Protein backbone atom coordinates (compact mmCIF):
# COMPACT_ATOMS: atom_id res chain seq x y z
CA MET A 1 36.76 44.91 -43.59
CA SER A 2 37.41 45.75 -39.97
CA GLY A 3 37.37 42.14 -38.76
CA ARG A 4 34.78 42.97 -36.09
CA ASN A 5 31.59 40.91 -35.86
CA ASP A 6 29.39 44.02 -35.77
CA GLY A 7 26.30 42.12 -36.80
CA ARG A 8 25.14 38.85 -38.24
CA ALA A 9 23.20 37.67 -41.27
CA PHE A 10 21.85 34.33 -42.42
CA ILE A 11 21.64 33.31 -46.06
CA GLY A 12 19.30 30.57 -47.26
CA SER A 13 20.01 28.57 -50.42
CA PHE A 14 18.91 25.60 -52.50
CA THR A 15 21.05 22.57 -51.61
CA SER A 16 19.56 20.74 -54.61
CA ALA A 17 21.23 23.35 -56.86
CA GLY A 18 24.63 23.34 -55.13
CA GLY A 19 23.86 25.69 -52.25
CA ARG A 20 25.48 25.29 -48.84
CA GLY A 21 22.17 25.34 -46.99
CA ILE A 22 22.14 28.08 -44.36
CA ILE A 23 25.19 30.34 -44.24
CA ALA A 24 25.97 32.32 -41.08
CA ALA A 25 27.81 35.52 -41.92
CA ALA A 26 29.38 38.40 -40.02
CA VAL A 27 28.31 41.91 -41.02
CA ASP A 28 30.71 44.83 -40.89
CA ALA A 29 28.77 47.83 -39.58
CA GLU A 30 31.00 50.36 -41.33
CA THR A 31 30.98 48.88 -44.84
CA GLY A 32 28.04 46.48 -44.84
CA ALA A 33 30.34 43.70 -46.03
CA LEU A 34 29.33 40.10 -45.37
CA THR A 35 31.89 37.44 -44.47
CA GLU A 36 30.89 33.79 -44.37
CA ARG A 37 31.69 32.19 -41.00
CA ALA A 38 29.90 28.84 -41.03
CA ALA A 39 27.24 26.85 -42.85
CA THR A 40 24.91 23.91 -42.32
CA ASP A 41 23.14 21.67 -44.81
CA ALA A 42 21.16 19.86 -42.11
CA VAL A 43 17.93 20.70 -43.96
CA ALA A 44 17.37 20.36 -47.70
CA ASP A 45 16.59 23.53 -49.66
CA PRO A 46 16.18 26.04 -46.80
CA SER A 47 14.95 28.67 -49.23
CA PHE A 48 13.41 31.12 -46.77
CA LEU A 49 14.35 32.03 -43.20
CA ALA A 50 12.94 33.87 -40.21
CA LEU A 51 14.33 34.81 -36.77
CA ALA A 52 12.55 34.73 -33.44
CA ALA A 53 11.96 38.17 -31.94
CA ASP A 54 14.85 37.76 -29.49
CA GLY A 55 17.14 36.43 -32.22
CA SER A 56 17.87 33.18 -30.42
CA VAL A 57 16.13 30.77 -32.81
CA LEU A 58 16.30 30.63 -36.59
CA TYR A 59 13.52 29.03 -38.62
CA ALA A 60 13.67 27.67 -42.16
CA VAL A 61 11.34 26.08 -44.66
CA SER A 62 12.49 23.02 -46.57
CA GLU A 63 11.18 23.73 -50.05
CA GLN A 64 10.62 20.13 -51.13
CA GLU A 65 7.60 18.24 -52.46
CA GLU A 66 7.25 16.76 -48.97
CA GLY A 67 7.56 20.16 -47.36
CA ALA A 68 8.96 20.70 -43.88
CA ALA A 69 10.04 23.41 -41.47
CA ALA A 70 12.93 23.39 -39.05
CA ALA A 71 14.15 25.33 -36.01
CA PHE A 72 17.82 26.06 -35.28
CA LEU A 73 19.68 27.55 -32.35
CA ALA A 74 21.05 30.73 -33.88
CA PRO A 75 24.65 31.56 -32.98
CA ALA A 76 25.05 34.88 -31.18
CA ILE A 77 26.87 37.73 -32.89
CA ALA A 78 29.96 37.06 -30.81
CA ALA A 79 29.83 33.37 -31.77
CA VAL A 80 28.79 33.63 -35.41
CA ASP A 81 31.69 31.34 -36.37
CA ALA A 82 29.42 28.48 -35.28
CA ALA A 83 26.78 27.09 -37.62
CA PRO A 84 23.08 27.11 -36.63
CA ARG A 85 22.23 23.88 -34.79
CA LEU A 86 19.00 21.95 -35.27
CA ILE A 87 16.45 21.84 -32.45
CA GLY A 88 14.93 18.42 -32.95
CA GLU A 89 14.10 17.08 -36.41
CA PRO A 90 12.45 18.99 -39.28
CA VAL A 91 8.65 18.87 -38.97
CA PRO A 92 6.39 18.10 -41.96
CA VAL A 93 4.11 21.01 -42.88
CA CYS A 94 1.45 18.81 -44.52
CA GLY A 95 1.92 20.79 -47.72
CA ALA A 96 4.09 20.83 -50.83
CA GLY A 97 6.85 23.29 -51.69
CA PRO A 98 6.80 25.74 -48.76
CA THR A 99 8.28 29.03 -49.98
CA HIS A 100 7.81 31.43 -47.08
CA LEU A 101 7.27 31.51 -43.32
CA ALA A 102 6.29 33.88 -40.55
CA LEU A 103 6.06 33.86 -36.75
CA ALA A 104 2.92 34.96 -34.92
CA ALA A 105 1.22 34.31 -31.57
CA GLY A 106 3.49 31.43 -30.57
CA HIS A 107 3.19 29.69 -33.94
CA LEU A 108 5.14 29.37 -37.18
CA LEU A 109 3.14 29.66 -40.40
CA THR A 110 4.33 28.43 -43.80
CA ALA A 111 3.03 29.35 -47.26
CA ASN A 112 3.02 26.17 -49.35
CA TYR A 113 3.29 27.01 -53.04
CA GLY A 114 2.84 23.53 -54.44
CA SER A 115 -0.29 22.64 -52.51
CA GLY A 116 -1.71 26.16 -52.34
CA SER A 117 -2.12 26.15 -48.57
CA VAL A 118 -0.93 27.76 -45.35
CA SER A 119 0.17 25.55 -42.44
CA VAL A 120 0.38 26.42 -38.73
CA LEU A 121 2.95 24.81 -36.41
CA PRO A 122 3.08 25.52 -32.67
CA VAL A 123 6.41 26.72 -31.27
CA GLY A 124 7.54 25.03 -28.05
CA ASP A 125 9.13 26.67 -25.02
CA ASP A 126 12.54 25.59 -26.34
CA GLY A 127 11.88 27.28 -29.70
CA GLY A 128 11.42 23.94 -31.42
CA LEU A 129 8.49 23.13 -33.67
CA ARG A 130 5.57 20.85 -32.89
CA ALA A 131 3.28 18.96 -35.28
CA VAL A 132 0.97 20.97 -37.53
CA SER A 133 -2.10 22.28 -35.69
CA GLY A 134 -3.97 23.46 -38.76
CA VAL A 135 -3.85 23.79 -42.54
CA LEU A 136 -5.82 26.41 -44.45
CA GLN A 137 -6.36 25.24 -48.03
CA HIS A 138 -6.73 27.95 -50.66
CA GLU A 139 -9.20 27.44 -53.51
CA GLY A 140 -9.42 28.84 -57.02
CA GLY A 141 -7.24 29.57 -60.03
CA GLY A 142 -6.46 32.16 -62.67
CA PRO A 143 -6.31 32.68 -66.44
CA ASP A 144 -2.67 31.60 -66.97
CA PRO A 145 -2.92 27.93 -68.02
CA ASP A 146 0.67 27.15 -67.04
CA ARG A 147 0.95 28.93 -63.69
CA GLN A 148 -2.61 29.35 -62.40
CA ARG A 149 -4.44 26.06 -62.74
CA GLY A 150 -4.86 26.03 -58.98
CA PRO A 151 -3.88 27.97 -55.86
CA HIS A 152 -0.22 28.74 -55.12
CA ALA A 153 0.27 30.38 -51.73
CA HIS A 154 3.58 32.22 -51.98
CA GLN A 155 3.88 34.34 -48.84
CA VAL A 156 2.35 34.58 -45.39
CA THR A 157 2.98 37.60 -43.19
CA ALA A 158 1.55 39.40 -40.18
CA ASP A 159 0.15 42.90 -40.55
CA PRO A 160 1.74 45.69 -38.44
CA SER A 161 -1.04 45.52 -35.84
CA GLY A 162 -0.43 41.82 -35.25
CA ARG A 163 -4.16 41.13 -35.54
CA TRP A 164 -4.15 39.57 -38.99
CA MET A 165 -2.17 37.18 -41.17
CA LEU A 166 -2.13 37.86 -44.91
CA SER A 167 -1.40 35.14 -47.47
CA THR A 168 -0.54 36.10 -51.03
CA ASP A 169 -1.61 33.59 -53.69
CA LEU A 170 -0.06 33.66 -57.16
CA GLY A 171 -2.50 31.10 -58.52
CA THR A 172 -5.74 32.78 -57.47
CA ASP A 173 -4.73 36.42 -58.07
CA SER A 174 -5.73 37.31 -54.53
CA VAL A 175 -4.65 38.07 -50.99
CA ARG A 176 -6.41 36.34 -48.10
CA ILE A 177 -6.81 38.06 -44.75
CA CYS A 178 -6.91 35.52 -41.91
CA SER A 179 -7.19 35.37 -38.13
CA LEU A 180 -5.02 33.04 -36.06
CA ASP A 181 -6.34 31.46 -32.87
CA ALA A 182 -3.37 31.57 -30.49
CA VAL A 183 -4.78 28.73 -28.38
CA SER A 184 -5.94 26.21 -30.98
CA GLY A 185 -3.49 27.18 -33.73
CA GLU A 186 -6.32 27.32 -36.28
CA LEU A 187 -6.23 29.80 -39.15
CA THR A 188 -9.56 31.16 -40.38
CA THR A 189 -10.23 33.22 -43.50
CA HIS A 190 -11.68 36.64 -42.68
CA GLY A 191 -11.74 38.04 -46.22
CA GLU A 192 -10.16 37.84 -49.66
CA THR A 193 -9.01 40.71 -51.88
CA ALA A 194 -9.04 40.08 -55.63
CA LEU A 195 -6.33 41.62 -57.80
CA ARG A 196 -6.29 41.98 -61.57
CA PRO A 197 -6.61 38.52 -63.17
CA GLY A 198 -3.37 37.05 -64.50
CA THR A 199 -1.01 39.30 -62.55
CA GLY A 200 0.08 36.57 -60.12
CA PRO A 201 0.65 38.29 -56.74
CA ARG A 202 3.77 36.93 -55.06
CA HIS A 203 4.77 39.04 -52.04
CA LEU A 204 3.56 42.13 -50.20
CA ALA A 205 5.17 44.65 -47.87
CA PHE A 206 3.56 47.16 -45.52
CA HIS A 207 4.32 50.85 -45.32
CA PRO A 208 5.91 51.73 -41.95
CA ALA A 209 2.97 54.04 -41.20
CA GLY A 210 0.78 50.92 -41.28
CA GLY A 211 -2.06 52.15 -43.49
CA HIS A 212 -0.88 50.84 -46.86
CA ALA A 213 0.50 47.66 -48.40
CA TYR A 214 2.31 47.10 -51.70
CA VAL A 215 1.59 43.83 -53.50
CA LEU A 216 4.22 42.69 -55.98
CA CYS A 217 3.00 40.60 -58.91
CA GLU A 218 5.21 37.99 -60.57
CA LEU A 219 3.37 37.12 -63.78
CA GLU A 220 3.08 40.77 -64.81
CA PRO A 221 5.81 43.19 -63.64
CA THR A 222 3.50 45.37 -61.56
CA LEU A 223 3.12 46.75 -58.05
CA THR A 224 -0.42 47.11 -56.71
CA VAL A 225 -0.86 49.81 -54.09
CA CYS A 226 -3.47 48.99 -51.44
CA ARG A 227 -5.04 50.74 -48.49
CA TRP A 228 -4.98 48.65 -45.33
CA ASP A 229 -7.59 48.96 -42.60
CA ALA A 230 -6.34 46.99 -39.62
CA GLY A 231 -9.47 47.67 -37.62
CA ARG A 232 -11.72 45.94 -40.16
CA GLY A 233 -9.11 43.65 -41.70
CA VAL A 234 -9.74 45.05 -45.19
CA LEU A 235 -7.21 45.38 -48.03
CA GLU A 236 -8.33 47.72 -50.83
CA PRO A 237 -6.42 48.11 -54.14
CA VAL A 238 -6.15 51.75 -55.24
CA GLY A 239 -3.53 51.77 -57.99
CA GLU A 240 -1.03 49.84 -60.08
CA THR A 241 2.46 50.72 -61.31
CA SER A 242 4.88 48.92 -63.64
CA VAL A 243 8.18 47.94 -62.05
CA LEU A 244 10.00 47.89 -65.40
CA PRO A 245 10.45 50.56 -68.09
CA ASP A 246 8.16 50.26 -71.13
CA SER A 247 11.17 49.61 -73.38
CA VAL A 248 12.13 46.32 -71.65
CA ALA A 249 11.53 43.35 -73.97
CA VAL A 250 13.16 40.55 -71.93
CA GLU A 251 10.84 38.19 -70.02
CA SER A 252 11.05 39.09 -66.35
CA PHE A 253 9.51 37.83 -63.11
CA ALA A 254 9.39 40.13 -60.10
CA SER A 255 10.36 38.43 -56.84
CA GLU A 256 10.57 40.68 -53.77
CA VAL A 257 9.38 44.06 -52.55
CA VAL A 258 10.93 46.18 -49.77
CA VAL A 259 9.75 49.51 -48.36
CA ALA A 260 12.20 52.10 -47.02
CA ARG A 261 12.26 52.61 -43.27
CA ASP A 262 11.21 56.25 -43.75
CA GLY A 263 8.46 55.25 -46.17
CA ARG A 264 9.66 57.31 -49.15
CA PHE A 265 10.79 54.53 -51.49
CA VAL A 266 9.93 51.01 -52.58
CA TRP A 267 12.48 48.61 -54.09
CA VAL A 268 11.64 45.60 -56.23
CA ALA A 269 13.80 42.73 -57.52
CA ASN A 270 13.27 41.69 -61.15
CA ARG A 271 14.45 38.25 -62.27
CA GLY A 272 15.26 38.02 -65.97
CA HIS A 273 15.80 41.74 -66.31
CA ASP A 274 18.17 41.16 -63.34
CA SER A 275 17.56 44.54 -61.85
CA ILE A 276 16.43 46.43 -58.79
CA ALA A 277 13.62 48.87 -59.49
CA VAL A 278 13.41 52.09 -57.49
CA LEU A 279 9.94 53.53 -56.97
CA ALA A 280 9.18 56.81 -55.20
CA LEU A 281 6.04 57.20 -53.09
CA ASP A 282 4.09 60.45 -52.94
CA GLU A 283 2.96 62.08 -49.69
CA THR A 284 -0.26 60.04 -49.63
CA TYR A 285 1.69 56.76 -50.00
CA GLU A 286 -0.85 55.78 -52.66
CA LYS A 287 1.08 56.68 -55.81
CA ALA A 288 4.28 54.85 -56.71
CA GLU A 289 6.41 56.23 -59.55
CA LEU A 290 9.14 54.18 -61.21
CA VAL A 291 12.30 56.28 -60.91
CA THR A 292 14.92 53.95 -62.38
CA THR A 293 16.31 50.43 -62.43
CA VAL A 294 19.87 49.41 -61.58
CA PRO A 295 21.67 46.08 -62.20
CA CYS A 296 21.22 43.64 -59.29
CA GLY A 297 24.92 42.70 -59.31
CA GLY A 298 24.29 39.14 -60.53
CA ARG A 299 21.61 36.97 -62.12
CA TRP A 300 18.09 36.09 -60.97
CA PRO A 301 17.64 38.17 -57.79
CA ARG A 302 15.28 36.03 -55.71
CA ASP A 303 15.29 38.15 -52.55
CA LEU A 304 15.95 41.69 -51.35
CA ALA A 305 16.59 42.76 -47.76
CA LEU A 306 17.37 45.97 -45.93
CA ASP A 307 19.98 46.03 -43.20
CA PRO A 308 18.66 46.94 -39.72
CA ALA A 309 19.66 50.59 -40.14
CA GLY A 310 17.93 50.86 -43.51
CA ARG A 311 21.07 52.22 -45.17
CA ARG A 312 21.95 49.22 -47.36
CA LEU A 313 20.09 46.85 -49.62
CA TYR A 314 21.12 43.22 -50.18
CA ALA A 315 20.17 41.10 -53.20
CA ALA A 316 20.31 37.28 -53.09
CA ASN A 317 21.15 36.40 -56.69
CA GLU A 318 20.21 32.77 -57.14
CA HIS A 319 21.62 31.89 -60.57
CA SER A 320 24.93 33.76 -60.24
CA GLY A 321 25.37 32.43 -56.70
CA ASP A 322 26.06 35.56 -54.70
CA VAL A 323 24.66 38.12 -52.30
CA THR A 324 25.41 41.65 -53.49
CA TRP A 325 25.02 44.70 -51.26
CA PHE A 326 24.32 48.30 -52.16
CA ASP A 327 24.67 51.63 -50.39
CA ILE A 328 21.41 53.54 -50.70
CA ASP A 329 21.51 57.18 -51.73
CA GLN A 330 19.34 58.62 -48.98
CA ARG A 331 18.15 61.50 -51.18
CA THR A 332 17.22 59.61 -54.34
CA GLY A 333 16.71 56.07 -53.04
CA VAL A 334 19.02 54.71 -55.76
CA PRO A 335 21.18 51.72 -54.67
CA VAL A 336 24.91 51.89 -55.49
CA ARG A 337 26.78 48.58 -55.64
CA ALA A 338 29.32 48.21 -52.82
CA GLY A 339 30.37 44.54 -52.75
CA SER A 340 29.34 40.90 -52.87
CA ILE A 341 29.89 37.49 -51.29
CA GLU A 342 29.78 34.07 -52.94
CA ALA A 343 26.63 32.16 -51.97
CA PRO A 344 25.72 29.38 -54.44
CA ALA A 345 21.98 29.15 -55.23
CA ALA A 346 21.23 31.98 -52.79
CA SER A 347 17.53 32.47 -52.13
CA CYS A 348 17.15 34.60 -48.99
CA VAL A 349 19.08 36.86 -46.64
CA ILE A 350 17.97 38.08 -43.21
CA PHE A 351 19.58 40.10 -40.44
CA GLY A 352 19.38 39.98 -36.67
């Protein structure tokens, strides 16, 4: 470790399970090593985080039954020894169990797993959050009697064009394509793409070329490859690939999907199997082949993240309480473990 604050990272965690809330960490550019500098537990269970485009404000969900979102002044790289500082009080999202959030058109959107909805909160000039301007309630269910009795919005994200917001729903086996009114803050459903019943879509990630998306399913360990038409706002499934070898017998729940910056590989975190799957994309970006799986460095990898350069992969291992980082073999896409940092009940890691 060089001792330089070459970059910064923020780690979210579950305070209800012994986590420290939001950890601010320095990132060594040469080794990728994380070093904890400060932490704040000002918000309960900040399980997922997002940074404003200029990096000055950090946003977090509070994954509680009475869900909320919060804004923090993010310490600069040179001042990462300071903890993020709340801007105002956490704001209720009018939904239960928010698990994900995204920024778009001057608003913060949260995916609320418990209530199966997506909430929209205006962002003020100071970066702080205002009261909810709209809630889009998902409807429907799926064949799994334990997990799909109703909708469970798990992720909300903007497409690369910035025209559409996509919400992935584990309970309804579908992805909704929505438009956001930047003036009123209302979210309107434009279309809905059905996936195979019982698969439980959790998260999706876009290919850097913009014409494809990869939907990761939690209830069955599969990756659904989709074409994406930003002009029409249409998501079209074209194939499905297992993210675990056929020989795996342990119960496993996929959690996060990441696409390589150059678009050649996809990585997936598998909880239970406690692995990172490496999938290679063909030249059409429509066929994903499982190359191998490697140990995630801990237990129950809830999140995966690439560093800004795309050279390292970081796994937030919730049950073992650590964030482990890997050097990526640029030829094969295979991650090689390089180090770890203690982070109790870790759930998310972001860079900026």
